[in-house]
Amino acid sequence: MTDTMWLRDLVRTIPDYPKPGVSFKDITPLLGNADAFRFSADALADRFTGSSIDAVIGVEARGFITGAPVAYRIGAGFVPVRKAGKLPYDTMAEEYSLEYGIDRLEMHVDAIAPGSNVLIVDDVLATGGTAEATAKLVEQAGATVAGFGFWIELAFLGGRAKLGDVPATSLITYTD
């Protein structure tokens, strides 16, 4: 396994954002560092080398940034999953709970072929609601979630429990 501890120095913590009591993990300094960005995309892709991945899903919006280079690196297609109303073609949708309400994710109905193996990539695994909803979209399409990849995991929020037995990996894990 590749040592990713040095990446923590490039993640900025913003206290009380987006609301009081939340410590937001900002990856923009990491993204702005060419070596760190390349290393992060490669390290996540390397963890799924040898897996038969047909498509990588990135969830709006930072999942596009983190997922697209992984898809490129492993030679898979890239599928954007977006917030409701943002995709121009026929979609399938999945609602999920947030700490402050309900949200909805959508994916084009023809984005993933039935029987495909799909890797879901996002910037942060927090409570797991977004990842779980995205996995349900994959299942609606008749495909299989082969794995989850995250640049950051906030383990103290317990989101990994919503991922079931599917392999999941994170480059940086915060335990508190």
Protein backbone atom coordinates (compact mmCIF):
# COMPACT_ATOMS: atom_id res chain seq x y z
CA MET A 1 0.00 0.00 0.00
CA THR A 2 1.25 3.46 -0.88
CA ASP A 3 2.04 5.93 1.92
CA THR A 4 -0.46 8.77 1.67
CA MET A 5 0.09 10.43 5.07
CA TRP A 6 1.91 13.40 3.50
CA LEU A 7 -1.31 14.37 1.70
CA ARG A 8 -2.84 15.46 5.03
CA ASP A 9 -0.62 18.55 4.94
CA LEU A 10 -2.44 19.62 1.79
CA VAL A 11 -5.96 19.26 3.21
CA ARG A 12 -7.16 22.48 4.81
CA THR A 13 -9.64 22.32 7.68
CA ILE A 14 -12.24 25.10 7.65
CA PRO A 15 -13.95 25.38 11.06
CA ASP A 16 -17.70 26.02 11.25
CA TYR A 17 -18.31 25.48 7.53
CA PRO A 18 -20.91 25.07 6.12
CA LYS A 19 -22.49 25.44 9.55
CA PRO A 20 -21.33 25.84 13.15
CA GLY A 21 -19.71 22.74 14.60
CA VAL A 22 -18.66 21.27 11.25
CA SER A 23 -14.95 21.10 10.34
CA PHE A 24 -14.91 21.05 6.53
CA LYS A 25 -12.02 19.19 4.87
CA ASP A 26 -11.01 21.33 1.88
CA ILE A 27 -9.07 19.45 -0.81
CA THR A 28 -8.47 22.46 -3.08
CA PRO A 29 -4.84 22.89 -1.88
CA LEU A 30 -4.23 19.21 -2.69
CA LEU A 31 -5.85 19.62 -6.12
CA GLY A 32 -3.71 22.70 -6.78
CA ASN A 33 -0.50 20.80 -6.14
CA ALA A 34 0.33 18.94 -9.37
CA ASP A 35 2.41 16.25 -7.64
CA ALA A 36 -0.21 15.60 -4.96
CA PHE A 37 -3.07 15.56 -7.47
CA ARG A 38 -1.29 13.09 -9.74
CA PHE A 39 -0.18 10.97 -6.79
CA SER A 40 -3.72 10.84 -5.36
CA ALA A 41 -5.34 9.82 -8.64
CA ASP A 42 -2.65 7.20 -9.27
CA ALA A 43 -2.77 5.84 -5.70
CA LEU A 44 -6.52 5.37 -5.82
CA ALA A 45 -6.37 3.81 -9.29
CA ASP A 46 -3.57 1.47 -8.16
CA ARG A 47 -5.81 0.09 -5.42
CA PHE A 48 -8.21 -1.17 -8.09
CA THR A 49 -5.64 -2.40 -10.60
CA GLY A 50 -6.47 -5.95 -11.56
CA SER A 51 -10.17 -5.43 -10.90
CA SER A 52 -12.47 -5.68 -13.87
CA ILE A 53 -13.92 -2.14 -13.83
CA ASP A 54 -16.04 -1.07 -16.78
CA ALA A 55 -17.03 2.37 -15.51
CA VAL A 56 -16.11 4.83 -12.79
CA ILE A 57 -18.85 7.00 -11.33
CA GLY A 58 -18.03 10.44 -9.97
CA VAL A 59 -20.63 12.21 -7.86
CA GLU A 60 -21.25 15.93 -8.36
CA ALA A 61 -19.17 17.95 -8.07
CA ARG A 62 -15.84 17.05 -6.48
CA GLY A 63 -16.41 13.42 -7.48
CA PHE A 64 -15.98 14.55 -11.09
CA ILE A 65 -12.54 15.92 -10.23
CA THR A 66 -11.47 12.85 -8.25
CA GLY A 67 -13.16 10.17 -10.35
CA ALA A 68 -12.32 11.20 -13.91
CA PRO A 69 -8.54 10.77 -13.59
CA VAL A 70 -9.05 7.39 -11.91
CA ALA A 71 -11.25 6.26 -14.82
CA TYR A 72 -8.63 7.47 -17.29
CA ARG A 73 -5.83 5.73 -15.41
CA ILE A 74 -7.58 2.33 -15.20
CA GLY A 75 -8.95 2.51 -18.74
CA ALA A 76 -12.64 2.69 -17.82
CA GLY A 77 -15.45 4.97 -18.90
CA PHE A 78 -16.54 7.84 -16.69
CA VAL A 79 -20.16 8.39 -15.60
CA PRO A 80 -21.31 11.58 -13.88
CA VAL A 81 -24.00 11.30 -11.20
CA ARG A 82 -25.61 14.68 -10.64
CA LYS A 83 -28.03 16.53 -8.42
CA ALA A 84 -31.65 16.52 -9.61
CA GLY A 85 -32.44 18.39 -12.81
CA LYS A 86 -28.89 18.77 -14.15
CA LEU A 87 -28.75 15.97 -16.71
CA PRO A 88 -30.26 16.59 -20.19
CA TYR A 89 -31.42 13.08 -21.07
CA ASP A 90 -33.77 10.51 -19.47
CA THR A 91 -32.65 9.74 -15.95
CA MET A 92 -33.13 7.35 -13.07
CA ALA A 93 -33.12 8.86 -9.59
CA GLU A 94 -32.46 7.98 -5.98
CA GLU A 95 -33.39 10.07 -2.95
CA TYR A 96 -31.28 10.04 0.19
CA SER A 97 -31.31 11.64 3.59
CA LEU A 98 -29.06 14.45 4.67
CA GLU A 99 -28.71 15.71 8.21
CA TYR A 100 -30.88 18.68 7.18
CA GLY A 101 -33.36 17.10 4.74
CA ILE A 102 -33.69 15.01 1.59
CA ASP A 103 -31.69 15.28 -1.63
CA ARG A 104 -31.81 13.42 -4.92
CA LEU A 105 -29.18 12.09 -7.30
CA GLU A 106 -29.71 11.26 -10.96
CA MET A 107 -27.92 9.28 -13.63
CA HIS A 108 -28.72 8.85 -17.33
CA VAL A 109 -30.71 5.67 -17.92
CA ASP A 110 -28.16 4.46 -20.50
CA ALA A 111 -25.00 5.49 -18.63
CA ILE A 112 -24.10 1.99 -17.45
CA ALA A 113 -24.70 -1.25 -19.30
CA PRO A 114 -26.40 -4.05 -17.36
CA GLY A 115 -23.83 -6.48 -16.03
CA SER A 116 -21.09 -3.84 -15.80
CA ASN A 117 -18.69 -3.62 -12.88
CA VAL A 118 -18.64 -0.10 -11.49
CA LEU A 119 -16.27 1.77 -9.19
CA ILE A 120 -17.80 4.71 -7.30
CA VAL A 121 -15.31 7.50 -6.54
CA ASP A 122 -15.92 10.63 -4.48
CA ASP A 123 -13.81 13.12 -2.61
CA VAL A 124 -15.15 12.41 0.89
CA LEU A 125 -16.93 9.56 2.65
CA ALA A 126 -18.79 11.13 5.57
CA THR A 127 -22.18 9.73 6.64
CA GLY A 128 -22.36 7.46 3.57
CA GLY A 129 -25.70 8.69 2.23
CA THR A 130 -24.36 9.88 -1.11
CA ALA A 131 -22.35 6.70 -1.69
CA GLU A 132 -25.29 4.51 -0.71
CA ALA A 133 -27.68 6.37 -3.05
CA THR A 134 -25.17 6.12 -5.89
CA ALA A 135 -24.83 2.38 -5.31
CA LYS A 136 -28.62 2.07 -5.57
CA LEU A 137 -28.50 3.83 -8.96
CA VAL A 138 -25.90 1.30 -10.12
CA GLU A 139 -28.16 -1.54 -8.97
CA GLN A 140 -31.17 0.04 -10.76
CA ALA A 141 -29.11 -0.07 -13.95
CA GLY A 142 -28.53 -3.80 -13.50
CA ALA A 143 -24.83 -3.35 -12.80
CA THR A 144 -22.60 -4.29 -9.86
CA VAL A 145 -20.73 -1.99 -7.51
CA ALA A 146 -17.22 -3.47 -7.58
CA GLY A 147 -15.76 -0.94 -5.14
CA PHE A 148 -15.74 2.49 -3.58
CA GLY A 149 -12.79 4.87 -3.57
CA PHE A 150 -12.50 8.07 -1.57
CA TRP A 151 -9.75 10.62 -1.23
CA ILE A 152 -10.83 11.34 2.37
CA GLU A 153 -12.83 9.34 4.89
CA LEU A 154 -14.32 10.86 8.03
CA ALA A 155 -14.43 7.53 9.86
CA PHE A 156 -15.93 9.03 13.02
CA LEU A 157 -19.20 9.62 11.10
CA GLY A 158 -19.63 5.89 10.37
CA GLY A 159 -20.38 6.15 6.65
CA ARG A 160 -18.54 2.94 5.78
CA ALA A 161 -21.34 0.96 7.48
CA LYS A 162 -23.71 1.99 4.65
CA LEU A 163 -21.45 0.47 1.99
CA GLY A 164 -22.11 -3.14 2.92
CA ASP A 165 -19.51 -5.75 2.02
CA VAL A 166 -18.28 -3.93 -1.07
CA PRO A 167 -14.53 -3.19 -1.01
CA ALA A 168 -13.87 0.42 -0.08
CA THR A 169 -10.62 2.34 0.20
CA SER A 170 -9.66 5.83 1.30
CA LEU A 171 -6.38 7.65 0.83
CA ILE A 172 -6.68 9.70 4.03
CA THR A 173 -8.73 8.70 7.08
CA TYR A 174 -9.69 11.01 9.91
CA THR A 175 -10.76 9.25 13.11
CA ASP A 176 -11.87 12.37 14.98
